[in-house]
Amino acid sequence: MRLSADSARAPLAVRVFRARWIAQLVSHTGTWMRTVGAHWLLVGHSATLLTPVRTASTLPVVL
């Protein structure tokens, strides 16, 4: 199947770009899983503590 040049998925037709995109997707998924696991371990299942801990860990990246 040929993708037109103006298609949003057109860059995925390039083999190197597609491989990098998939690798980044797997890497980010692992990072998200680690983050959730670390917060559960640190805070437990308390929703009132989870929000400030998540904010404190994300704030330096945003700033």
PDB file of N, CA and C in Angstrom:
ATOM      1  N   MET A   1       0.847  -1.192   0.000  1.00  0.00           N
ATOM      2  CA  MET A   1       0.000   0.000   0.000  1.00  0.00           C
ATOM      3  C   MET A   1       0.882   1.242   0.000  1.00  0.00           C
ATOM      4  N   ARG A   2       0.657   2.104  -0.938  1.00  0.00           N
ATOM      5  CA  ARG A   2       1.424   3.338  -1.048  1.00  0.00           C
ATOM      6  C   ARG A   2       0.742   4.436  -0.262  1.00  0.00           C
ATOM      7  N   LEU A   3       1.519   5.169   0.517  1.00  0.00           N
ATOM      8  CA  LEU A   3       0.998   6.317   1.250  1.00  0.00           C
ATOM      9  C   LEU A   3       1.314   7.579   0.473  1.00  0.00           C
ATOM     10  N   SER A   4       0.383   8.492   0.439  1.00  0.00           N
ATOM     11  CA  SER A   4       0.644   9.749  -0.252  1.00  0.00           C
ATOM     12  C   SER A   4       1.597  10.593   0.593  1.00  0.00           C
ATOM     13  N   ALA A   5       2.286  11.509  -0.048  1.00  0.00           N
ATOM     14  CA  ALA A   5       3.296  12.328   0.628  1.00  0.00           C
ATOM     15  C   ALA A   5       2.690  13.213   1.713  1.00  0.00           C
ATOM     16  N   ASP A   6       1.420  13.561   1.585  1.00  0.00           N
ATOM     17  CA  ASP A   6       0.799  14.433   2.576  1.00  0.00           C
ATOM     18  C   ASP A   6       0.071  13.648   3.675  1.00  0.00           C
ATOM     19  N   SER A   7       0.199  12.341   3.679  1.00  0.00           N
ATOM     20  CA  SER A   7      -0.422  11.521   4.706  1.00  0.00           C
ATOM     21  C   SER A   7       0.330  11.674   6.024  1.00  0.00           C
ATOM     22  N   ALA A   8      -0.393  11.601   7.135  1.00  0.00           N
ATOM     23  CA  ALA A   8       0.235  11.710   8.449  1.00  0.00           C
ATOM     24  C   ALA A   8       1.128  10.510   8.731  1.00  0.00           C
ATOM     25  N   ARG A   9       0.862   9.389   8.086  1.00  0.00           N
ATOM     26  CA  ARG A   9       1.660   8.180   8.291  1.00  0.00           C
ATOM     27  C   ARG A   9       2.772   8.018   7.262  1.00  0.00           C
ATOM     28  N   ALA A  10       2.952   8.970   6.405  1.00  0.00           N
ATOM     29  CA  ALA A  10       3.972   8.873   5.355  1.00  0.00           C
ATOM     30  C   ALA A  10       5.384   8.685   5.911  1.00  0.00           C
ATOM     31  N   PRO A  11       5.785   9.354   6.994  1.00  0.00           N
ATOM     32  CA  PRO A  11       7.140   9.128   7.519  1.00  0.00           C
ATOM     33  C   PRO A  11       7.388   7.684   7.949  1.00  0.00           C
ATOM     34  N   LEU A  12       6.338   6.953   8.313  1.00  0.00           N
ATOM     35  CA  LEU A  12       6.507   5.563   8.722  1.00  0.00           C
ATOM     36  C   LEU A  12       6.893   4.652   7.563  1.00  0.00           C
ATOM     37  N   ALA A  13       6.811   5.148   6.353  1.00  0.00           N
ATOM     38  CA  ALA A  13       7.225   4.365   5.195  1.00  0.00           C
ATOM     39  C   ALA A  13       8.753   4.293   5.092  1.00  0.00           C
ATOM     40  N   VAL A  14       9.439   5.218   5.781  1.00  0.00           N
ATOM     41  CA  VAL A  14      10.906   5.214   5.801  1.00  0.00           C
ATOM     42  C   VAL A  14      11.356   4.233   6.876  1.00  0.00           C
ATOM     43  N   ARG A  15      12.139   3.243   6.491  1.00  0.00           N
ATOM     44  CA  ARG A  15      12.502   2.139   7.375  1.00  0.00           C
ATOM     45  C   ARG A  15      13.219   2.603   8.640  1.00  0.00           C
ATOM     46  N   VAL A  16      14.185   3.509   8.511  1.00  0.00           N
ATOM     47  CA  VAL A  16      14.960   3.973   9.665  1.00  0.00           C
ATOM     48  C   VAL A  16      14.062   4.755  10.623  1.00  0.00           C
ATOM     49  N   PHE A  17      13.223   5.614  10.083  1.00  0.00           N
ATOM     50  CA  PHE A  17      12.310   6.389  10.929  1.00  0.00           C
ATOM     51  C   PHE A  17      11.353   5.467  11.665  1.00  0.00           C
ATOM     52  N   ARG A  18      10.814   4.477  10.968  1.00  0.00           N
ATOM     53  CA  ARG A  18       9.864   3.539  11.577  1.00  0.00           C
ATOM     54  C   ARG A  18      10.529   2.757  12.718  1.00  0.00           C
ATOM     55  N   ALA A  19      11.761   2.307  12.502  1.00  0.00           N
ATOM     56  CA  ALA A  19      12.482   1.560  13.538  1.00  0.00           C
ATOM     57  C   ALA A  19      12.731   2.438  14.760  1.00  0.00           C
ATOM     58  N   ARG A  20      13.131   3.678  14.539  1.00  0.00           N
ATOM     59  CA  ARG A  20      13.364   4.599  15.656  1.00  0.00           C
ATOM     60  C   ARG A  20      12.062   4.908  16.385  1.00  0.00           C
ATOM     61  N   TRP A  21      10.982   5.089  15.652  1.00  0.00           N
ATOM     62  CA  TRP A  21       9.688   5.399  16.259  1.00  0.00           C
ATOM     63  C   TRP A  21       9.222   4.250  17.153  1.00  0.00           C
ATOM     64  N   ILE A  22       9.363   3.028  16.676  1.00  0.00           N
ATOM     65  CA  ILE A  22       8.964   1.861  17.465  1.00  0.00           C
ATOM     66  C   ILE A  22       9.851   1.731  18.701  1.00  0.00           C
ATOM     67  N   ALA A  23      11.150   1.958  18.548  1.00  0.00           N
ATOM     68  CA  ALA A  23      12.068   1.879  19.691  1.00  0.00           C
ATOM     69  C   ALA A  23      11.717   2.922  20.746  1.00  0.00           C
ATOM     70  N   GLN A  24      11.383   4.128  20.310  1.00  0.00           N
ATOM     71  CA  GLN A  24      10.985   5.177  21.252  1.00  0.00           C
ATOM     72  C   GLN A  24       9.683   4.820  21.965  1.00  0.00           C
ATOM     73  N   LEU A  25       8.741   4.234  21.240  1.00  0.00           N
ATOM     74  CA  LEU A  25       7.476   3.832  21.836  1.00  0.00           C
ATOM     75  C   LEU A  25       7.701   2.797  22.936  1.00  0.00           C
ATOM     76  N   VAL A  26       8.538   1.807  22.660  1.00  0.00           N
ATOM     77  CA  VAL A  26       8.850   0.775  23.657  1.00  0.00           C
ATOM     78  C   VAL A  26       9.574   1.394  24.850  1.00  0.00           C
ATOM     79  N   SER A  27      10.510   2.284  24.587  1.00  0.00           N
ATOM     80  CA  SER A  27      11.268   2.923  25.655  1.00  0.00           C
ATOM     81  C   SER A  27      10.365   3.762  26.555  1.00  0.00           C
ATOM     82  N   HIS A  28       9.498   4.563  25.962  1.00  0.00           N
ATOM     83  CA  HIS A  28       8.594   5.394  26.756  1.00  0.00           C
ATOM     84  C   HIS A  28       7.607   4.549  27.553  1.00  0.00           C
ATOM     85  N   THR A  29       7.137   3.468  26.978  1.00  0.00           N
ATOM     86  CA  THR A  29       6.229   2.585  27.704  1.00  0.00           C
ATOM     87  C   THR A  29       6.920   2.017  28.936  1.00  0.00           C
ATOM     88  N   GLY A  30       8.171   1.615  28.804  1.00  0.00           N
ATOM     89  CA  GLY A  30       8.938   1.127  29.943  1.00  0.00           C
ATOM     90  C   GLY A  30       9.139   2.200  30.999  1.00  0.00           C
ATOM     91  N   THR A  31       9.401   3.416  30.562  1.00  0.00           N
ATOM     92  CA  THR A  31       9.572   4.526  31.503  1.00  0.00           C
ATOM     93  C   THR A  31       8.280   4.799  32.257  1.00  0.00           C
ATOM     94  N   TRP A  32       7.155   4.780  31.560  1.00  0.00           N
ATOM     95  CA  TRP A  32       5.868   5.012  32.224  1.00  0.00           C
ATOM     96  C   TRP A  32       5.577   3.905  33.241  1.00  0.00           C
ATOM     97  N   MET A  33       5.889   2.669  32.883  1.00  0.00           N
ATOM     98  CA  MET A  33       5.668   1.551  33.808  1.00  0.00           C
ATOM     99  C   MET A  33       6.558   1.686  35.045  1.00  0.00           C
ATOM    100  N   ARG A  34       7.806   2.084  34.853  1.00  0.00           N
ATOM    101  CA  ARG A  34       8.716   2.277  35.978  1.00  0.00           C
ATOM    102  C   ARG A  34       8.224   3.400  36.888  1.00  0.00           C
ATOM    103  N   THR A  35       7.754   4.479  36.293  1.00  0.00           N
ATOM    104  CA  THR A  35       7.272   5.618  37.069  1.00  0.00           C
ATOM    105  C   THR A  35       6.066   5.232  37.914  1.00  0.00           C
ATOM    106  N   VAL A  36       5.111   4.551  37.317  1.00  0.00           N
ATOM    107  CA  VAL A  36       3.925   4.124  38.066  1.00  0.00           C
ATOM    108  C   VAL A  36       4.311   3.163  39.176  1.00  0.00           C
ATOM    109  N   GLY A  37       5.192   2.206  38.892  1.00  0.00           N
ATOM    110  CA  GLY A  37       5.631   1.259  39.904  1.00  0.00           C
ATOM    111  C   GLY A  37       6.368   1.934  41.044  1.00  0.00           C
ATOM    112  N   ALA A  38       7.222   2.896  40.728  1.00  0.00           N
ATOM    113  CA  ALA A  38       7.960   3.618  41.768  1.00  0.00           C
ATOM    114  C   ALA A  38       7.021   4.417  42.653  1.00  0.00           C
ATOM    115  N   HIS A  39       6.034   5.036  42.060  1.00  0.00           N
ATOM    116  CA  HIS A  39       5.094   5.823  42.866  1.00  0.00           C
ATOM    117  C   HIS A  39       4.224   4.928  43.735  1.00  0.00           C
ATOM    118  N   TRP A  40       3.806   3.806  43.206  1.00  0.00           N
ATOM    119  CA  TRP A  40       3.037   2.872  44.025  1.00  0.00           C
ATOM    120  C   TRP A  40       3.869   2.377  45.197  1.00  0.00           C
ATOM    121  N   LEU A  41       5.145   2.084  44.941  1.00  0.00           N
ATOM    122  CA  LEU A  41       6.021   1.603  45.987  1.00  0.00           C
ATOM    123  C   LEU A  41       6.271   2.687  47.030  1.00  0.00           C
ATOM    124  N   LEU A  42       6.437   3.916  46.584  1.00  0.00           N
ATOM    125  CA  LEU A  42       6.734   5.029  47.484  1.00  0.00           C
ATOM    126  C   LEU A  42       5.521   5.445  48.303  1.00  0.00           C
ATOM    127  N   VAL A  43       4.386   5.531  47.678  1.00  0.00           N
ATOM    128  CA  VAL A  43       3.201   6.111  48.304  1.00  0.00           C
ATOM    129  C   VAL A  43       2.213   5.048  48.762  1.00  0.00           C
ATOM    130  N   GLY A  44       2.217   3.909  48.128  1.00  0.00           N
ATOM    131  CA  GLY A  44       1.164   2.930  48.392  1.00  0.00           C
ATOM    132  C   GLY A  44      -0.012   3.239  47.494  1.00  0.00           C
ATOM    133  N   HIS A  45      -1.189   2.939  47.955  1.00  0.00           N
ATOM    134  CA  HIS A  45      -2.379   3.156  47.132  1.00  0.00           C
ATOM    135  C   HIS A  45      -3.166   4.381  47.569  1.00  0.00           C
ATOM    136  N   SER A  46      -2.515   5.335  48.195  1.00  0.00           N
ATOM    137  CA  SER A  46      -3.183   6.549  48.663  1.00  0.00           C
ATOM    138  C   SER A  46      -3.240   7.574  47.532  1.00  0.00           C
ATOM    139  N   ALA A  47      -4.439   7.876  47.090  1.00  0.00           N
ATOM    140  CA  ALA A  47      -4.609   8.835  45.996  1.00  0.00           C
ATOM    141  C   ALA A  47      -4.258  10.252  46.434  1.00  0.00           C
ATOM    142  N   THR A  48      -4.443  10.556  47.715  1.00  0.00           N
ATOM    143  CA  THR A  48      -4.152  11.917  48.186  1.00  0.00           C
ATOM    144  C   THR A  48      -2.650  12.196  48.219  1.00  0.00           C
ATOM    145  N   LEU A  49      -1.833  11.170  48.402  1.00  0.00           N
ATOM    146  CA  LEU A  49      -0.387  11.367  48.391  1.00  0.00           C
ATOM    147  C   LEU A  49       0.213  11.185  47.008  1.00  0.00           C
ATOM    148  N   LEU A  50      -0.443  10.447  46.162  1.00  0.00           N
ATOM    149  CA  LEU A  50       0.105  10.158  44.844  1.00  0.00           C
ATOM    150  C   LEU A  50       0.209  11.415  43.981  1.00  0.00           C
ATOM    151  N   THR A  51      -0.771  12.296  44.077  1.00  0.00           N
ATOM    152  CA  THR A  51      -0.774  13.508  43.260  1.00  0.00           C
ATOM    153  C   THR A  51       0.393  14.434  43.586  1.00  0.00           C
ATOM    154  N   PRO A  52       0.659  14.770  44.861  1.00  0.00           N
ATOM    155  CA  PRO A  52       1.816  15.639  45.136  1.00  0.00           C
ATOM    156  C   PRO A  52       3.158  14.991  44.776  1.00  0.00           C
ATOM    157  N   VAL A  53       3.267  13.683  44.964  1.00  0.00           N
ATOM    158  CA  VAL A  53       4.517  13.012  44.622  1.00  0.00           C
ATOM    159  C   VAL A  53       4.731  13.054  43.114  1.00  0.00           C
ATOM    160  N   ARG A  54       3.694  12.805  42.358  1.00  0.00           N
ATOM    161  CA  ARG A  54       3.799  12.845  40.890  1.00  0.00           C
ATOM    162  C   ARG A  54       4.122  14.259  40.419  1.00  0.00           C
ATOM    163  N   THR A  55       3.496  15.264  41.029  1.00  0.00           N
ATOM    164  CA  THR A  55       3.770  16.646  40.668  1.00  0.00           C
ATOM    165  C   THR A  55       5.209  17.006  40.986  1.00  0.00           C
ATOM    166  N   ALA A  56       5.701  16.594  42.153  1.00  0.00           N
ATOM    167  CA  ALA A  56       7.077  16.896  42.542  1.00  0.00           C
ATOM    168  C   ALA A  56       8.088  16.240  41.616  1.00  0.00           C
ATOM    169  N   SER A  57       7.793  15.070  41.109  1.00  0.00           N
ATOM    170  CA  SER A  57       8.727  14.412  40.212  1.00  0.00           C
ATOM    171  C   SER A  57       8.663  14.962  38.796  1.00  0.00           C
ATOM    172  N   THR A  58       7.551  15.541  38.406  1.00  0.00           N
ATOM    173  CA  THR A  58       7.399  16.074  37.056  1.00  0.00           C
ATOM    174  C   THR A  58       7.800  17.543  36.975  1.00  0.00           C
ATOM    175  N   LEU A  59       7.666  18.270  38.046  1.00  0.00           N
ATOM    176  CA  LEU A  59       7.916  19.720  38.044  1.00  0.00           C
ATOM    177  C   LEU A  59       9.305  20.104  37.547  1.00  0.00           C
ATOM    178  N   PRO A  60      10.389  19.447  37.973  1.00  0.00           N
ATOM    179  CA  PRO A  60      11.709  19.847  37.447  1.00  0.00           C
ATOM    180  C   PRO A  60      11.830  19.710  35.931  1.00  0.00           C
ATOM    181  N   VAL A  61      11.177  18.705  35.373  1.00  0.00           N
ATOM    182  CA  VAL A  61      11.228  18.524  33.922  1.00  0.00           C
ATOM    183  C   VAL A  61      10.492  19.654  33.218  1.00  0.00           C
ATOM    184  N   VAL A  62       9.365  20.062  33.783  1.00  0.00           N
ATOM    185  CA  VAL A  62       8.567  21.139  33.177  1.00  0.00           C
ATOM    186  C   VAL A  62       9.297  22.481  33.271  1.00  0.00           C
ATOM    187  N   LEU A  63       9.918  22.713  34.411  1.00  0.00           N
ATOM    188  CA  LEU A  63      10.634  23.984  34.598  1.00  0.00           C
ATOM    189  C   LEU A  63      11.917  24.008  33.811  1.00  0.00           C
TER     190      LEU A  63
END
